[in-house]
Amino acid sequence: MTNRDRVLGLGVVVLWGLNFLAIRVGLDHFPPFFFAGLRFAVIAVPVLIFVPRPQVPWRWLLLYGVGFGILQFAFLFTAMREGMPTGLSSLVLQSSAPFTVLLGAVFLRERLRGIQLAGIAVALAGMGVIGWDRSHHAALLPVLLTLAAGLGWAFGNLGSRLAAAESAGPAVNPLHLTLWMAVVPPLPMFALSALTEGPATGWHDLAASFSRSGWPAFAALAYIVLLGTIAGSGLWTYLMSRYPASTVAPLSLGVPVVGIAASWAFLHETPSALSLVGAAIVIAGAFTATSAGRRTVSTPSSEPRSVPVEPAPRLVEA
């Protein structure tokens, strides 16, 4: 991975780490399924009107939207609403990294290098240190729900890579692909909200948020939509389309470092010394896993091959 792309990846780490604070604020006001549907609906409406659909197979766009948009946030928002601490949720959600590596090896036949496996093992060890130190702060069910969210994210990663690999015509604009992913979740999430949270509950909370005390919920929604989804996911999709999943996925292991630090600073979830040691191990492992100078290119219909990494093209603005 080039230095430029590594910097972009670290930018995504910061955006997604702070995103957990915005999620916590939003969930204090909205029910989880409705909040998930609302965050994507705000994006989907203008996308349908103004953004041309990427020329990618519908099946991979749907896989991207269902995995990244529906499964990840349905499980994550429910887990946090059920008591999953903000910092700990940012840690456990990064189970998406080993899940993505596993799915990439199984479905995309990506060849894993020893240095990558070692880096992933080190990062997972750091996550284990943090998880062991903080597991007493969360019940088992919220932890399992957050793990399910990580698996959903991994399937979304797989869908985004396959969509980019099998696009028709010119190269896919990563931002357009991310924006069109947002078209998939709203209707299913609103339907789940109506069935489980009540048909009027979310809409009543939305109306109540227009009061003077409701502005934090709107600020949280704006951050999640503009920075967490459009900026963060757009850059992430760009990296996933350029490098093997086994190279990009470990970068997400830095998100809990930011999430735990932000939770300590703003929510007074004080990290212990052992948690800080684990965070340092995570960073070391993530950088080790992304230090390879060559990448594996593969598609479902071809054998993988190693090629030198070339300078990254400029990311085109929408």
Protein backbone atom coordinates (compact mmCIF):
# COMPACT_ATOMS: atom_id res chain seq x y z
CA MET A 1 0.00 0.00 0.00
CA THR A 2 1.35 3.44 -0.93
CA ASN A 3 1.99 6.06 1.76
CA ARG A 4 -0.77 8.24 0.30
CA ASP A 5 -3.33 5.47 0.53
CA ARG A 6 -2.18 4.58 4.03
CA VAL A 7 -2.84 8.21 5.09
CA LEU A 8 -6.31 8.00 3.54
CA GLY A 9 -6.90 4.80 5.48
CA LEU A 10 -5.87 6.47 8.74
CA GLY A 11 -8.27 9.32 7.95
CA VAL A 12 -11.09 6.79 7.68
CA VAL A 13 -10.00 5.34 11.03
CA VAL A 14 -10.40 8.75 12.72
CA LEU A 15 -13.76 9.46 11.07
CA TRP A 16 -15.17 6.06 12.03
CA GLY A 17 -13.75 6.21 15.54
CA LEU A 18 -15.52 9.52 16.22
CA ASN A 19 -18.61 8.16 14.49
CA PHE A 20 -19.36 6.06 17.57
CA LEU A 21 -19.89 9.21 19.62
CA ALA A 22 -22.41 10.46 17.06
CA ILE A 23 -24.18 7.08 17.11
CA ARG A 24 -24.46 7.21 20.89
CA VAL A 25 -26.01 10.70 20.74
CA GLY A 26 -28.45 9.65 18.02
CA LEU A 27 -29.51 6.48 19.84
CA ASP A 28 -30.31 8.54 22.93
CA HIS A 29 -33.11 10.06 20.84
CA PHE A 30 -34.14 7.61 18.07
CA PRO A 31 -34.96 3.88 18.18
CA PRO A 32 -32.17 1.82 16.52
CA PHE A 33 -33.87 0.48 13.35
CA PHE A 34 -35.53 3.80 12.59
CA PHE A 35 -32.25 5.68 13.17
CA ALA A 36 -30.43 3.32 10.80
CA GLY A 37 -33.11 3.78 8.14
CA LEU A 38 -33.10 7.56 8.61
CA ARG A 39 -29.34 7.90 8.19
CA PHE A 40 -29.47 6.16 4.82
CA ALA A 41 -32.75 7.74 3.68
CA VAL A 42 -31.20 11.21 4.00
CA ILE A 43 -28.57 10.09 1.48
CA ALA A 44 -30.77 7.92 -0.75
CA VAL A 45 -33.31 10.56 -1.80
CA PRO A 46 -30.85 12.99 -3.47
CA VAL A 47 -28.80 10.07 -4.80
CA LEU A 48 -31.77 8.69 -6.72
CA ILE A 49 -32.35 12.10 -8.28
CA PHE A 50 -28.87 13.43 -8.99
CA VAL A 51 -26.27 10.64 -8.97
CA PRO A 52 -25.99 8.25 -11.95
CA ARG A 53 -26.04 4.60 -10.94
CA PRO A 54 -22.64 2.90 -11.25
CA GLN A 55 -22.56 0.28 -13.99
CA VAL A 56 -22.07 -2.64 -11.63
CA PRO A 57 -24.10 -5.86 -11.31
CA TRP A 58 -27.14 -5.39 -9.09
CA ARG A 59 -26.33 -8.53 -7.08
CA TRP A 60 -23.07 -7.06 -5.81
CA LEU A 61 -24.63 -3.66 -5.11
CA LEU A 62 -27.34 -5.42 -3.10
CA LEU A 63 -24.74 -7.50 -1.24
CA TYR A 64 -22.86 -4.30 -0.42
CA GLY A 65 -26.01 -2.55 0.80
CA VAL A 66 -27.39 -5.50 2.77
CA GLY A 67 -24.07 -6.31 4.45
CA PHE A 68 -22.67 -2.86 5.11
CA GLY A 69 -25.92 -0.95 5.44
CA ILE A 70 -28.56 -3.30 6.87
CA LEU A 71 -26.83 -6.07 8.80
CA GLN A 72 -24.01 -3.98 10.24
CA PHE A 73 -26.13 -1.14 11.56
CA ALA A 74 -29.20 -3.14 12.53
CA PHE A 75 -27.03 -5.26 14.84
CA LEU A 76 -24.70 -2.47 15.97
CA PHE A 77 -27.42 0.06 16.81
CA THR A 78 -29.42 -2.60 18.65
CA ALA A 79 -26.34 -3.66 20.62
CA MET A 80 -25.55 -0.09 21.66
CA ARG A 81 -29.20 0.58 22.55
CA GLU A 82 -29.11 -2.59 24.69
CA GLY A 83 -26.16 -1.34 26.69
CA MET A 84 -22.99 -1.98 24.68
CA PRO A 85 -20.48 0.68 25.84
CA THR A 86 -19.41 3.06 23.09
CA GLY A 87 -15.68 2.35 23.33
CA LEU A 88 -16.14 -1.40 23.60
CA SER A 89 -18.50 -1.44 20.61
CA SER A 90 -15.84 0.28 18.49
CA LEU A 91 -13.48 -2.53 19.46
CA VAL A 92 -15.72 -5.56 18.94
CA LEU A 93 -17.03 -4.25 15.60
CA GLN A 94 -13.51 -4.58 14.23
CA SER A 95 -14.08 -8.31 14.12
CA SER A 96 -15.00 -7.35 10.54
CA ALA A 97 -11.27 -7.37 9.73
CA PRO A 98 -10.61 -11.10 10.29
CA PHE A 99 -14.08 -11.87 8.88
CA THR A 100 -13.20 -9.93 5.71
CA VAL A 101 -9.84 -11.68 5.35
CA LEU A 102 -11.57 -15.05 5.71
CA LEU A 103 -14.28 -14.20 3.17
CA GLY A 104 -11.67 -12.81 0.76
CA ALA A 105 -9.63 -16.01 0.97
CA VAL A 106 -12.68 -18.26 0.54
CA PHE A 107 -14.66 -16.40 -2.13
CA LEU A 108 -12.04 -14.28 -3.92
CA ARG A 109 -9.14 -16.75 -3.57
CA GLU A 110 -6.86 -14.03 -2.22
CA ARG A 111 -3.39 -15.28 -1.29
CA LEU A 112 -2.35 -14.32 2.24
CA ARG A 113 1.32 -13.48 2.86
CA GLY A 114 3.09 -14.43 6.07
CA ILE A 115 3.71 -10.80 7.04
CA GLN A 116 -0.01 -10.07 6.70
CA LEU A 117 -1.00 -13.07 8.81
CA ALA A 118 1.53 -12.05 11.46
CA GLY A 119 0.24 -8.47 11.53
CA ILE A 120 -3.37 -9.61 11.78
CA ALA A 121 -2.43 -11.98 14.62
CA VAL A 122 -0.68 -9.17 16.51
CA ALA A 123 -3.63 -6.80 16.00
CA LEU A 124 -6.10 -9.45 17.11
CA ALA A 125 -3.97 -10.07 20.19
CA GLY A 126 -4.21 -6.36 20.99
CA MET A 127 -7.98 -6.49 20.54
CA GLY A 128 -8.04 -9.49 22.85
CA VAL A 129 -6.14 -7.57 25.52
CA ILE A 130 -8.60 -4.67 25.32
CA GLY A 131 -11.62 -6.99 25.17
CA TRP A 132 -10.46 -9.05 28.16
CA ASP A 133 -9.84 -5.89 30.15
CA ARG A 134 -13.23 -4.33 29.38
CA SER A 135 -15.55 -7.30 28.83
CA HIS A 136 -17.03 -6.96 32.32
CA HIS A 137 -18.65 -3.68 31.17
CA ALA A 138 -21.00 -5.40 28.69
CA ALA A 139 -23.45 -8.30 28.88
CA LEU A 140 -23.06 -11.26 26.51
CA LEU A 141 -25.98 -10.44 24.17
CA PRO A 142 -24.76 -6.96 23.16
CA VAL A 143 -21.30 -8.41 22.49
CA LEU A 144 -22.78 -11.13 20.25
CA LEU A 145 -24.88 -8.57 18.40
CA THR A 146 -21.80 -6.44 17.76
CA LEU A 147 -19.92 -9.48 16.44
CA ALA A 148 -22.84 -10.10 14.06
CA ALA A 149 -22.49 -6.47 12.94
CA GLY A 150 -18.82 -7.11 12.17
CA LEU A 151 -19.76 -10.10 10.02
CA GLY A 152 -22.30 -7.96 8.16
CA TRP A 153 -19.62 -5.35 7.50
CA ALA A 154 -17.34 -8.07 6.11
CA PHE A 155 -20.00 -9.19 3.63
CA GLY A 156 -20.43 -5.55 2.62
CA ASN A 157 -16.69 -5.32 1.98
CA LEU A 158 -16.92 -8.39 -0.23
CA GLY A 159 -19.83 -6.88 -2.18
CA SER A 160 -18.03 -3.59 -2.77
CA ARG A 161 -14.92 -5.35 -4.09
CA LEU A 162 -16.90 -7.61 -6.41
CA ALA A 163 -18.95 -4.66 -7.67
CA ALA A 164 -15.79 -2.73 -8.55
CA ALA A 165 -14.15 -5.79 -10.12
CA GLU A 166 -17.12 -6.63 -12.38
CA SER A 167 -18.14 -3.12 -13.42
CA ALA A 168 -19.18 -2.52 -17.01
CA GLY A 169 -17.42 0.26 -18.89
CA PRO A 170 -15.02 2.72 -17.20
CA ALA A 171 -13.70 2.32 -13.67
CA VAL A 172 -16.29 2.72 -10.93
CA ASN A 173 -16.34 6.03 -9.06
CA PRO A 174 -15.96 4.85 -5.42
CA LEU A 175 -18.07 7.71 -4.10
CA HIS A 176 -20.92 6.92 -6.50
CA LEU A 177 -20.79 3.28 -5.47
CA THR A 178 -20.98 4.23 -1.80
CA LEU A 179 -23.85 6.62 -2.39
CA TRP A 180 -25.85 4.02 -4.31
CA MET A 181 -25.23 1.49 -1.55
CA ALA A 182 -27.25 3.84 0.65
CA VAL A 183 -30.32 3.29 -1.56
CA VAL A 184 -30.63 -0.32 -0.34
CA PRO A 185 -31.16 -0.03 3.46
CA PRO A 186 -33.92 2.58 4.07
CA LEU A 187 -37.09 0.65 3.16
CA PRO A 188 -36.04 -2.62 4.88
CA MET A 189 -34.93 -0.70 7.99
CA PHE A 190 -38.16 1.33 8.17
CA ALA A 191 -40.14 -1.91 7.76
CA LEU A 192 -38.19 -3.53 10.61
CA SER A 193 -38.78 -0.43 12.70
CA ALA A 194 -42.53 -0.53 12.08
CA LEU A 195 -42.70 -4.23 12.97
CA THR A 196 -40.52 -4.18 16.09
CA GLU A 197 -40.47 -0.59 17.37
CA GLY A 198 -43.99 0.45 16.43
CA PRO A 199 -45.24 2.07 13.21
CA ALA A 200 -45.34 5.57 14.69
CA THR A 201 -42.55 5.49 17.29
CA GLY A 202 -39.67 6.62 15.09
CA TRP A 203 -41.70 9.29 13.30
CA HIS A 204 -42.90 10.65 16.63
CA ASP A 205 -39.29 10.90 17.83
CA LEU A 206 -38.33 12.59 14.55
CA ALA A 207 -41.03 15.22 15.07
CA ALA A 208 -39.94 15.72 18.68
CA SER A 209 -36.35 16.27 17.55
CA PHE A 210 -37.38 19.59 15.98
CA SER A 211 -37.65 21.02 19.47
CA ARG A 212 -34.91 23.16 21.00
CA SER A 213 -33.51 20.16 22.86
CA GLY A 214 -33.38 17.99 19.74
CA TRP A 215 -30.44 19.66 17.97
CA PRO A 216 -27.81 17.16 19.25
CA ALA A 217 -29.67 14.37 17.42
CA PHE A 218 -29.55 16.37 14.18
CA ALA A 219 -25.86 17.15 14.65
CA ALA A 220 -25.19 13.45 15.21
CA LEU A 221 -27.17 12.53 12.10
CA ALA A 222 -25.26 15.11 10.02
CA TYR A 223 -21.91 13.75 11.17
CA ILE A 224 -22.89 10.15 10.47
CA VAL A 225 -24.22 10.97 7.00
CA LEU A 226 -21.58 13.43 5.75
CA LEU A 227 -18.40 12.21 7.43
CA GLY A 228 -19.07 8.67 8.64
CA THR A 229 -20.91 7.46 5.54
CA ILE A 230 -20.12 9.62 2.50
CA ALA A 231 -16.51 10.56 3.31
CA GLY A 232 -15.45 7.55 5.36
CA SER A 233 -17.21 4.84 3.39
CA GLY A 234 -16.29 6.44 0.07
CA LEU A 235 -12.59 6.36 0.92
CA TRP A 236 -12.92 2.84 2.31
CA THR A 237 -14.58 1.65 -0.91
CA TYR A 238 -11.79 3.26 -2.92
CA LEU A 239 -9.16 1.36 -0.93
CA MET A 240 -11.08 -1.92 -1.10
CA SER A 241 -11.34 -1.59 -4.89
CA ARG A 242 -7.59 -1.00 -5.23
CA TYR A 243 -6.10 -3.53 -2.81
CA PRO A 244 -6.90 -7.06 -1.63
CA ALA A 245 -9.28 -7.33 1.31
CA SER A 246 -6.47 -8.86 3.38
CA THR A 247 -4.43 -5.66 2.95
CA VAL A 248 -7.15 -3.06 3.60
CA ALA A 249 -9.21 -4.75 6.32
CA PRO A 250 -6.53 -4.58 9.07
CA LEU A 251 -6.60 -0.76 8.87
CA SER A 252 -10.02 -0.84 10.52
CA LEU A 253 -8.35 -2.29 13.62
CA GLY A 254 -7.25 1.25 14.46
CA VAL A 255 -10.86 2.43 14.82
CA PRO A 256 -11.26 1.19 18.43
CA VAL A 257 -8.16 3.14 19.43
CA VAL A 258 -9.88 6.35 18.35
CA GLY A 259 -13.25 5.17 19.65
CA ILE A 260 -11.95 4.32 23.12
CA ALA A 261 -9.97 7.58 23.34
CA ALA A 262 -12.98 9.64 22.25
CA SER A 263 -15.25 7.80 24.68
CA TRP A 264 -12.79 8.55 27.45
CA ALA A 265 -12.59 12.24 26.51
CA PHE A 266 -16.31 12.92 25.95
CA LEU A 267 -18.23 10.15 27.72
CA HIS A 268 -15.86 9.58 30.65
CA GLU A 269 -15.35 5.90 29.82
CA THR A 270 -11.90 5.86 31.40
CA PRO A 271 -9.51 3.38 29.74
CA SER A 272 -7.16 1.40 31.94
CA ALA A 273 -3.43 1.10 31.41
CA LEU A 274 -3.97 -2.40 30.03
CA SER A 275 -6.44 -1.03 27.46
CA LEU A 276 -3.87 1.51 26.31
CA VAL A 277 -1.28 -1.24 25.95
CA GLY A 278 -3.74 -3.23 23.86
CA ALA A 279 -4.45 -0.19 21.69
CA ALA A 280 -0.72 0.20 20.97
CA ILE A 281 -0.51 -3.47 19.99
CA VAL A 282 -3.46 -3.01 17.63
CA ILE A 283 -1.74 -0.11 15.86
CA ALA A 284 1.51 -2.06 15.51
CA GLY A 285 -0.28 -5.06 14.07
CA ALA A 286 -2.36 -3.01 11.63
CA PHE A 287 0.71 -1.28 10.20
CA THR A 288 2.58 -4.57 9.95
CA ALA A 289 -0.30 -6.15 8.04
CA THR A 290 -0.39 -3.27 5.53
CA SER A 291 3.36 -2.98 4.98
CA ALA A 292 3.55 -5.42 2.04
CA GLY A 293 4.84 -3.82 -1.17
CA ARG A 294 2.93 -6.04 -3.56
CA ARG A 295 -0.73 -6.85 -3.90
CA THR A 296 -2.73 -9.80 -5.10
CA VAL A 297 -5.23 -9.25 -7.91
CA SER A 298 -7.98 -11.81 -8.30
CA THR A 299 -11.50 -12.24 -9.55
CA PRO A 300 -13.90 -15.14 -9.17
CA SER A 301 -13.02 -16.30 -12.69
CA SER A 302 -9.24 -15.93 -12.68
CA GLU A 303 -6.23 -17.13 -10.75
CA PRO A 304 -4.65 -14.65 -8.33
CA ARG A 305 -1.40 -13.01 -9.32
CA SER A 306 1.04 -10.62 -7.65
CA VAL A 307 1.81 -7.27 -9.25
CA PRO A 308 3.73 -4.19 -8.07
CA VAL A 309 1.66 -1.51 -6.43
CA GLU A 310 1.48 1.58 -8.62
CA PRO A 311 0.81 5.13 -7.43
CA ALA A 312 -2.85 5.62 -6.56
CA PRO A 313 -5.00 7.56 -9.02
CA ARG A 314 -6.65 10.77 -7.87
CA LEU A 315 -10.01 10.24 -6.22
CA VAL A 316 -12.62 11.93 -8.41
CA GLU A 317 -15.08 14.19 -6.63
CA ALA A 318 -18.79 13.60 -7.25
